Amino acid sequence: MITQEMIDRINELYHKSQDAGLSQEEKEEQQMLRRKYIEAIRTNMRANLNNISIQEADGTITDLGRKYGKIKEV
């Protein structure tokens, strides 16, 4: 999970990279934080997409998470 402090740190490192440049340790920290941020976004997007259901023309409802996602029928 991404916290506001992590987002603030990502932004702080970005602004520092534009002004003065980053040390090697700061560059590695920035990459790690960005990877965590992107993974959190992907996880949230998958969860949202897995909760979509559509109504077919014949009136049946298809749960796309069960059909295409990683949710298994119980």
PDB file of N, CA and C in Angstrom:
ATOM      1  N   MET A   1       0.835  -1.170   0.000  1.00  0.00           N
ATOM      2  CA  MET A   1       0.000   0.000   0.000  1.00  0.00           C
ATOM      3  C   MET A   1       0.887   1.243   0.000  1.00  0.00           C
ATOM      4  N   ILE A   2       0.463   2.208  -0.728  1.00  0.00           N
ATOM      5  CA  ILE A   2       1.203   3.453  -0.834  1.00  0.00           C
ATOM      6  C   ILE A   2       0.630   4.461   0.155  1.00  0.00           C
ATOM      7  N   THR A   3       1.502   5.056   0.937  1.00  0.00           N
ATOM      8  CA  THR A   3       1.072   6.070   1.898  1.00  0.00           C
ATOM      9  C   THR A   3       1.342   7.456   1.328  1.00  0.00           C
ATOM     10  N   GLN A   4       0.745   8.442   1.930  1.00  0.00           N
ATOM     11  CA  GLN A   4       0.968   9.820   1.494  1.00  0.00           C
ATOM     12  C   GLN A   4       2.432  10.215   1.677  1.00  0.00           C
ATOM     13  N   GLU A   5       3.078   9.678   2.705  1.00  0.00           N
ATOM     14  CA  GLU A   5       4.490   9.986   2.928  1.00  0.00           C
ATOM     15  C   GLU A   5       5.347   9.465   1.773  1.00  0.00           C
ATOM     16  N   MET A   6       4.987   8.278   1.247  1.00  0.00           N
ATOM     17  CA  MET A   6       5.740   7.717   0.120  1.00  0.00           C
ATOM     18  C   MET A   6       5.560   8.588  -1.126  1.00  0.00           C
ATOM     19  N   ILE A   7       4.338   9.027  -1.359  1.00  0.00           N
ATOM     20  CA  ILE A   7       4.074   9.902  -2.511  1.00  0.00           C
ATOM     21  C   ILE A   7       4.834  11.216  -2.358  1.00  0.00           C
ATOM     22  N   ASP A   8       4.818  11.766  -1.145  1.00  0.00           N
ATOM     23  CA  ASP A   8       5.553  13.003  -0.894  1.00  0.00           C
ATOM     24  C   ASP A   8       7.045  12.814  -1.145  1.00  0.00           C
ATOM     25  N   ARG A   9       7.567  11.657  -0.750  1.00  0.00           N
ATOM     26  CA  ARG A   9       8.999  11.379  -0.950  1.00  0.00           C
ATOM     27  C   ARG A   9       9.320  11.223  -2.436  1.00  0.00           C
ATOM     28  N   ILE A  10       8.441  10.574  -3.182  1.00  0.00           N
ATOM     29  CA  ILE A  10       8.626  10.456  -4.640  1.00  0.00           C
ATOM     30  C   ILE A  10       8.709  11.848  -5.250  1.00  0.00           C
ATOM     31  N   ASN A  11       7.778  12.718  -4.863  1.00  0.00           N
ATOM     32  CA  ASN A  11       7.762  14.082  -5.401  1.00  0.00           C
ATOM     33  C   ASN A  11       8.988  14.877  -4.968  1.00  0.00           C
ATOM     34  N   GLU A  12       9.398  14.692  -3.725  1.00  0.00           N
ATOM     35  CA  GLU A  12      10.578  15.385  -3.225  1.00  0.00           C
ATOM     36  C   GLU A  12      11.823  14.968  -4.015  1.00  0.00           C
ATOM     37  N   LEU A  13      11.972  13.664  -4.255  1.00  0.00           N
ATOM     38  CA  LEU A  13      13.124  13.186  -5.029  1.00  0.00           C
ATOM     39  C   LEU A  13      13.068  13.679  -6.466  1.00  0.00           C
ATOM     40  N   TYR A  14      11.878  13.739  -7.031  1.00  0.00           N
ATOM     41  CA  TYR A  14      11.748  14.246  -8.408  1.00  0.00           C
ATOM     42  C   TYR A  14      12.217  15.698  -8.481  1.00  0.00           C
ATOM     43  N   HIS A  15      11.722  16.517  -7.570  1.00  0.00           N
ATOM     44  CA  HIS A  15      12.088  17.937  -7.597  1.00  0.00           C
ATOM     45  C   HIS A  15      13.578  18.126  -7.334  1.00  0.00           C
ATOM     46  N   LYS A  16      14.134  17.322  -6.452  1.00  0.00           N
ATOM     47  CA  LYS A  16      15.564  17.408  -6.189  1.00  0.00           C
ATOM     48  C   LYS A  16      16.367  17.001  -7.422  1.00  0.00           C
ATOM     49  N   SER A  17      15.869  15.977  -8.149  1.00  0.00           N
ATOM     50  CA  SER A  17      16.586  15.542  -9.361  1.00  0.00           C
ATOM     51  C   SER A  17      16.582  16.640 -10.421  1.00  0.00           C
ATOM     52  N   GLN A  18      15.535  17.444 -10.461  1.00  0.00           N
ATOM     53  CA  GLN A  18      15.461  18.531 -11.432  1.00  0.00           C
ATOM     54  C   GLN A  18      16.365  19.699 -11.042  1.00  0.00           C
ATOM     55  N   ASP A  19      16.535  19.913  -9.738  1.00  0.00           N
ATOM     56  CA  ASP A  19      17.326  21.058  -9.261  1.00  0.00           C
ATOM     57  C   ASP A  19      18.812  20.729  -9.150  1.00  0.00           C
ATOM     58  N   ALA A  20      19.143  19.759  -8.294  1.00  0.00           N
ATOM     59  CA  ALA A  20      20.548  19.534  -7.965  1.00  0.00           C
ATOM     60  C   ALA A  20      21.068  18.174  -8.388  1.00  0.00           C
ATOM     61  N   GLY A  21      20.192  17.270  -8.762  1.00  0.00           N
ATOM     62  CA  GLY A  21      20.617  15.923  -9.085  1.00  0.00           C
ATOM     63  C   GLY A  21      20.551  15.034  -7.858  1.00  0.00           C
ATOM     64  N   LEU A  22      20.545  13.740  -8.094  1.00  0.00           N
ATOM     65  CA  LEU A  22      20.417  12.772  -7.007  1.00  0.00           C
ATOM     66  C   LEU A  22      21.691  11.959  -6.859  1.00  0.00           C
ATOM     67  N   SER A  23      21.954  11.534  -5.626  1.00  0.00           N
ATOM     68  CA  SER A  23      23.049  10.601  -5.398  1.00  0.00           C
ATOM     69  C   SER A  23      22.589   9.219  -5.871  1.00  0.00           C
ATOM     70  N   GLN A  24      23.508   8.289  -5.955  1.00  0.00           N
ATOM     71  CA  GLN A  24      23.167   6.938  -6.403  1.00  0.00           C
ATOM     72  C   GLN A  24      22.145   6.302  -5.462  1.00  0.00           C
ATOM     73  N   GLU A  25      22.305   6.515  -4.151  1.00  0.00           N
ATOM     74  CA  GLU A  25      21.363   5.953  -3.178  1.00  0.00           C
ATOM     75  C   GLU A  25      19.970   6.546  -3.355  1.00  0.00           C
ATOM     76  N   GLU A  26      19.906   7.836  -3.619  1.00  0.00           N
ATOM     77  CA  GLU A  26      18.614   8.491  -3.834  1.00  0.00           C
ATOM     78  C   GLU A  26      17.959   8.006  -5.118  1.00  0.00           C
ATOM     79  N   LYS A  27      18.756   7.769  -6.163  1.00  0.00           N
ATOM     80  CA  LYS A  27      18.217   7.234  -7.411  1.00  0.00           C
ATOM     81  C   LYS A  27      17.612   5.848  -7.184  1.00  0.00           C
ATOM     82  N   GLU A  28      18.304   5.017  -6.418  1.00  0.00           N
ATOM     83  CA  GLU A  28      17.791   3.678  -6.113  1.00  0.00           C
ATOM     84  C   GLU A  28      16.517   3.746  -5.286  1.00  0.00           C
ATOM     85  N   GLU A  29      16.490   4.668  -4.313  1.00  0.00           N
ATOM     86  CA  GLU A  29      15.285   4.861  -3.507  1.00  0.00           C
ATOM     87  C   GLU A  29      14.121   5.315  -4.383  1.00  0.00           C
ATOM     88  N   GLN A  30      14.389   6.235  -5.297  1.00  0.00           N
ATOM     89  CA  GLN A  30      13.357   6.736  -6.205  1.00  0.00           C
ATOM     90  C   GLN A  30      12.803   5.612  -7.069  1.00  0.00           C
ATOM     91  N   GLN A  31      13.668   4.772  -7.610  1.00  0.00           N
ATOM     92  CA  GLN A  31      13.222   3.647  -8.432  1.00  0.00           C
ATOM     93  C   GLN A  31      12.377   2.674  -7.631  1.00  0.00           C
ATOM     94  N   MET A  32      12.798   2.372  -6.387  1.00  0.00           N
ATOM     95  CA  MET A  32      12.060   1.452  -5.536  1.00  0.00           C
ATOM     96  C   MET A  32      10.673   2.010  -5.209  1.00  0.00           C
ATOM     97  N   LEU A  33      10.612   3.294  -4.869  1.00  0.00           N
ATOM     98  CA  LEU A  33       9.323   3.917  -4.552  1.00  0.00           C
ATOM     99  C   LEU A  33       8.407   3.946  -5.769  1.00  0.00           C
ATOM    100  N   ARG A  34       8.974   4.233  -6.920  1.00  0.00           N
ATOM    101  CA  ARG A  34       8.163   4.253  -8.148  1.00  0.00           C
ATOM    102  C   ARG A  34       7.624   2.863  -8.473  1.00  0.00           C
ATOM    103  N   ARG A  35       8.459   1.828  -8.299  1.00  0.00           N
ATOM    104  CA  ARG A  35       7.993   0.464  -8.543  1.00  0.00           C
ATOM    105  C   ARG A  35       6.846   0.096  -7.617  1.00  0.00           C
ATOM    106  N   LYS A  36       6.966   0.445  -6.335  1.00  0.00           N
ATOM    107  CA  LYS A  36       5.895   0.169  -5.380  1.00  0.00           C
ATOM    108  C   LYS A  36       4.616   0.916  -5.760  1.00  0.00           C
ATOM    109  N   TYR A  37       4.764   2.162  -6.186  1.00  0.00           N
ATOM    110  CA  TYR A  37       3.612   2.973  -6.572  1.00  0.00           C
ATOM    111  C   TYR A  37       2.903   2.353  -7.779  1.00  0.00           C
ATOM    112  N   ILE A  38       3.653   1.978  -8.775  1.00  0.00           N
ATOM    113  CA  ILE A  38       3.074   1.384  -9.985  1.00  0.00           C
ATOM    114  C   ILE A  38       2.395   0.053  -9.662  1.00  0.00           C
ATOM    115  N   GLU A  39       3.010  -0.762  -8.812  1.00  0.00           N
ATOM    116  CA  GLU A  39       2.405  -2.040  -8.431  1.00  0.00           C
ATOM    117  C   GLU A  39       1.089  -1.817  -7.688  1.00  0.00           C
ATOM    118  N   ALA A  40       1.034  -0.806  -6.833  1.00  0.00           N
ATOM    119  CA  ALA A  40      -0.205  -0.502  -6.116  1.00  0.00           C
ATOM    120  C   ALA A  40      -1.298  -0.060  -7.084  1.00  0.00           C
ATOM    121  N   ILE A  41      -0.942   0.745  -8.070  1.00  0.00           N
ATOM    122  CA  ILE A  41      -1.910   1.188  -9.079  1.00  0.00           C
ATOM    123  C   ILE A  41      -2.417  -0.015  -9.868  1.00  0.00           C
ATOM    124  N   ARG A  42      -1.524  -0.908 -10.286  1.00  0.00           N
ATOM    125  CA  ARG A  42      -1.928  -2.098 -11.043  1.00  0.00           C
ATOM    126  C   ARG A  42      -2.848  -3.004 -10.224  1.00  0.00           C
ATOM    127  N   THR A  43      -2.520  -3.186  -8.954  1.00  0.00           N
ATOM    128  CA  THR A  43      -3.341  -4.025  -8.080  1.00  0.00           C
ATOM    129  C   THR A  43      -4.745  -3.442  -7.940  1.00  0.00           C
ATOM    130  N   ASN A  44      -4.826  -2.141  -7.720  1.00  0.00           N
ATOM    131  CA  ASN A  44      -6.128  -1.490  -7.602  1.00  0.00           C
ATOM    132  C   ASN A  44      -6.916  -1.567  -8.904  1.00  0.00           C
ATOM    133  N   MET A  45      -6.239  -1.403 -10.026  1.00  0.00           N
ATOM    134  CA  MET A  45      -6.911  -1.463 -11.323  1.00  0.00           C
ATOM    135  C   MET A  45      -7.454  -2.868 -11.580  1.00  0.00           C
ATOM    136  N   ARG A  46      -6.646  -3.903 -11.272  1.00  0.00           N
ATOM    137  CA  ARG A  46      -7.115  -5.284 -11.446  1.00  0.00           C
ATOM    138  C   ARG A  46      -8.337  -5.558 -10.583  1.00  0.00           C
ATOM    139  N   ALA A  47      -8.299  -5.089  -9.341  1.00  0.00           N
ATOM    140  CA  ALA A  47      -9.435  -5.293  -8.440  1.00  0.00           C
ATOM    141  C   ALA A  47     -10.687  -4.622  -8.990  1.00  0.00           C
ATOM    142  N   ASN A  48     -10.537  -3.415  -9.505  1.00  0.00           N
ATOM    143  CA  ASN A  48     -11.686  -2.716 -10.086  1.00  0.00           C
ATOM    144  C   ASN A  48     -12.217  -3.435 -11.320  1.00  0.00           C
ATOM    145  N   LEU A  49     -11.329  -3.865 -12.187  1.00  0.00           N
ATOM    146  CA  LEU A  49     -11.758  -4.549 -13.401  1.00  0.00           C
ATOM    147  C   LEU A  49     -12.407  -5.897 -13.091  1.00  0.00           C
ATOM    148  N   ASN A  50     -11.932  -6.579 -12.060  1.00  0.00           N
ATOM    149  CA  ASN A  50     -12.502  -7.873 -11.697  1.00  0.00           C
ATOM    150  C   ASN A  50     -13.894  -7.745 -11.084  1.00  0.00           C
ATOM    151  N   ASN A  51     -14.297  -6.540 -10.724  1.00  0.00           N
ATOM    152  CA  ASN A  51     -15.614  -6.328 -10.147  1.00  0.00           C
ATOM    153  C   ASN A  51     -16.642  -5.830 -11.161  1.00  0.00           C
ATOM    154  N   ILE A  52     -16.306  -5.855 -12.433  1.00  0.00           N
ATOM    155  CA  ILE A  52     -17.219  -5.387 -13.470  1.00  0.00           C
ATOM    156  C   ILE A  52     -18.099  -6.536 -13.937  1.00  0.00           C
ATOM    157  N   SER A  53     -19.390  -6.261 -14.029  1.00  0.00           N
ATOM    158  CA  SER A  53     -20.355  -7.205 -14.597  1.00  0.00           C
ATOM    159  C   SER A  53     -21.091  -6.482 -15.715  1.00  0.00           C
ATOM    160  N   ILE A  54     -21.391  -7.224 -16.777  1.00  0.00           N
ATOM    161  CA  ILE A  54     -22.141  -6.621 -17.879  1.00  0.00           C
ATOM    162  C   ILE A  54     -23.405  -7.430 -18.126  1.00  0.00           C
ATOM    163  N   GLN A  55     -24.415  -6.744 -18.592  1.00  0.00           N
ATOM    164  CA  GLN A  55     -25.661  -7.419 -18.933  1.00  0.00           C
ATOM    165  C   GLN A  55     -25.652  -7.679 -20.435  1.00  0.00           C
ATOM    166  N   GLU A  56     -25.797  -8.946 -20.782  1.00  0.00           N
ATOM    167  CA  GLU A  56     -25.793  -9.355 -22.181  1.00  0.00           C
ATOM    168  C   GLU A  56     -27.132  -8.989 -22.832  1.00  0.00           C
ATOM    169  N   ALA A  57     -27.188  -9.089 -24.146  1.00  0.00           N
ATOM    170  CA  ALA A  57     -28.405  -8.764 -24.891  1.00  0.00           C
ATOM    171  C   ALA A  57     -29.575  -9.663 -24.493  1.00  0.00           C
ATOM    172  N   ASP A  58     -29.275 -10.896 -24.098  1.00  0.00           N
ATOM    173  CA  ASP A  58     -30.359 -11.814 -23.713  1.00  0.00           C
ATOM    174  C   ASP A  58     -30.782 -11.633 -22.257  1.00  0.00           C
ATOM    175  N   GLY A  59     -30.198 -10.670 -21.542  1.00  0.00           N
ATOM    176  CA  GLY A  59     -30.592 -10.386 -20.172  1.00  0.00           C
ATOM    177  C   GLY A  59     -29.729 -11.035 -19.116  1.00  0.00           C
ATOM    178  N   THR A  60     -28.862 -11.960 -19.500  1.00  0.00           N
ATOM    179  CA  THR A  60     -27.993 -12.595 -18.511  1.00  0.00           C
ATOM    180  C   THR A  60     -26.881 -11.627 -18.104  1.00  0.00           C
ATOM    181  N   ILE A  61     -26.365 -11.839 -16.925  1.00  0.00           N
ATOM    182  CA  ILE A  61     -25.291 -10.989 -16.413  1.00  0.00           C
ATOM    183  C   ILE A  61     -24.007 -11.803 -16.392  1.00  0.00           C
ATOM    184  N   THR A  62     -22.976 -11.241 -17.001  1.00  0.00           N
ATOM    185  CA  THR A  62     -21.672 -11.892 -17.061  1.00  0.00           C
ATOM    186  C   THR A  62     -20.724 -11.151 -16.124  1.00  0.00           C
ATOM    187  N   ASP A  63     -20.162 -11.878 -15.175  1.00  0.00           N
ATOM    188  CA  ASP A  63     -19.169 -11.329 -14.263  1.00  0.00           C
ATOM    189  C   ASP A  63     -17.813 -11.447 -14.957  1.00  0.00           C
ATOM    190  N   LEU A  64     -17.254 -10.324 -15.374  1.00  0.00           N
ATOM    191  CA  LEU A  64     -16.001 -10.352 -16.127  1.00  0.00           C
ATOM    192  C   LEU A  64     -14.820 -10.797 -15.269  1.00  0.00           C
ATOM    193  N   GLY A  65     -14.893 -10.570 -13.965  1.00  0.00           N
ATOM    194  CA  GLY A  65     -13.827 -11.039 -13.079  1.00  0.00           C
ATOM    195  C   GLY A  65     -13.754 -12.553 -13.069  1.00  0.00           C
ATOM    196  N   ARG A  66     -14.894 -13.192 -13.083  1.00  0.00           N
ATOM    197  CA  ARG A  66     -14.904 -14.661 -13.101  1.00  0.00           C
ATOM    198  C   ARG A  66     -14.573 -15.198 -14.493  1.00  0.00           C
ATOM    199  N   LYS A  67     -14.973 -14.470 -15.527  1.00  0.00           N
ATOM    200  CA  LYS A  67     -14.759 -14.953 -16.890  1.00  0.00           C
ATOM    201  C   LYS A  67     -13.309 -14.752 -17.350  1.00  0.00           C
ATOM    202  N   TYR A  68     -12.747 -13.581 -17.078  1.00  0.00           N
ATOM    203  CA  TYR A  68     -11.424 -13.266 -17.595  1.00  0.00           C
ATOM    204  C   TYR A  68     -10.368 -13.041 -16.524  1.00  0.00           C
ATOM    205  N   GLY A  69     -10.779 -12.702 -15.326  1.00  0.00           N
ATOM    206  CA  GLY A  69      -9.840 -12.358 -14.272  1.00  0.00           C
ATOM    207  C   GLY A  69      -9.350 -13.571 -13.520  1.00  0.00           C
ATOM    208  N   LYS A  70      -8.801 -13.314 -12.376  1.00  0.00           N
ATOM    209  CA  LYS A  70      -8.223 -14.373 -11.561  1.00  0.00           C
ATOM    210  C   LYS A  70      -9.188 -14.855 -10.489  1.00  0.00           C
ATOM    211  N   ILE A  71     -10.418 -14.381 -10.532  1.00  0.00           N
ATOM    212  CA  ILE A  71     -11.421 -14.837  -9.570  1.00  0.00           C
ATOM    213  C   ILE A  71     -11.964 -16.170 -10.049  1.00  0.00           C
ATOM    214  N   LYS A  72     -11.984 -17.146  -9.174  1.00  0.00           N
ATOM    215  CA  LYS A  72     -12.453 -18.478  -9.531  1.00  0.00           C
ATOM    216  C   LYS A  72     -13.859 -18.692  -9.026  1.00  0.00           C
ATOM    217  N   GLU A  73     -14.620 -19.496  -9.747  1.00  0.00           N
ATOM    218  CA  GLU A  73     -15.970 -19.875  -9.315  1.00  0.00           C
ATOM    219  C   GLU A  73     -15.865 -20.662  -8.025  1.00  0.00           C
ATOM    220  N   VAL A  74     -16.779 -20.403  -7.118  1.00  0.00           N
ATOM    221  CA  VAL A  74     -16.775 -21.114  -5.836  1.00  0.00           C
ATOM    222  C   VAL A  74     -17.794 -22.215  -5.873  1.00  0.00           C
TER     223      VAL A  74
END
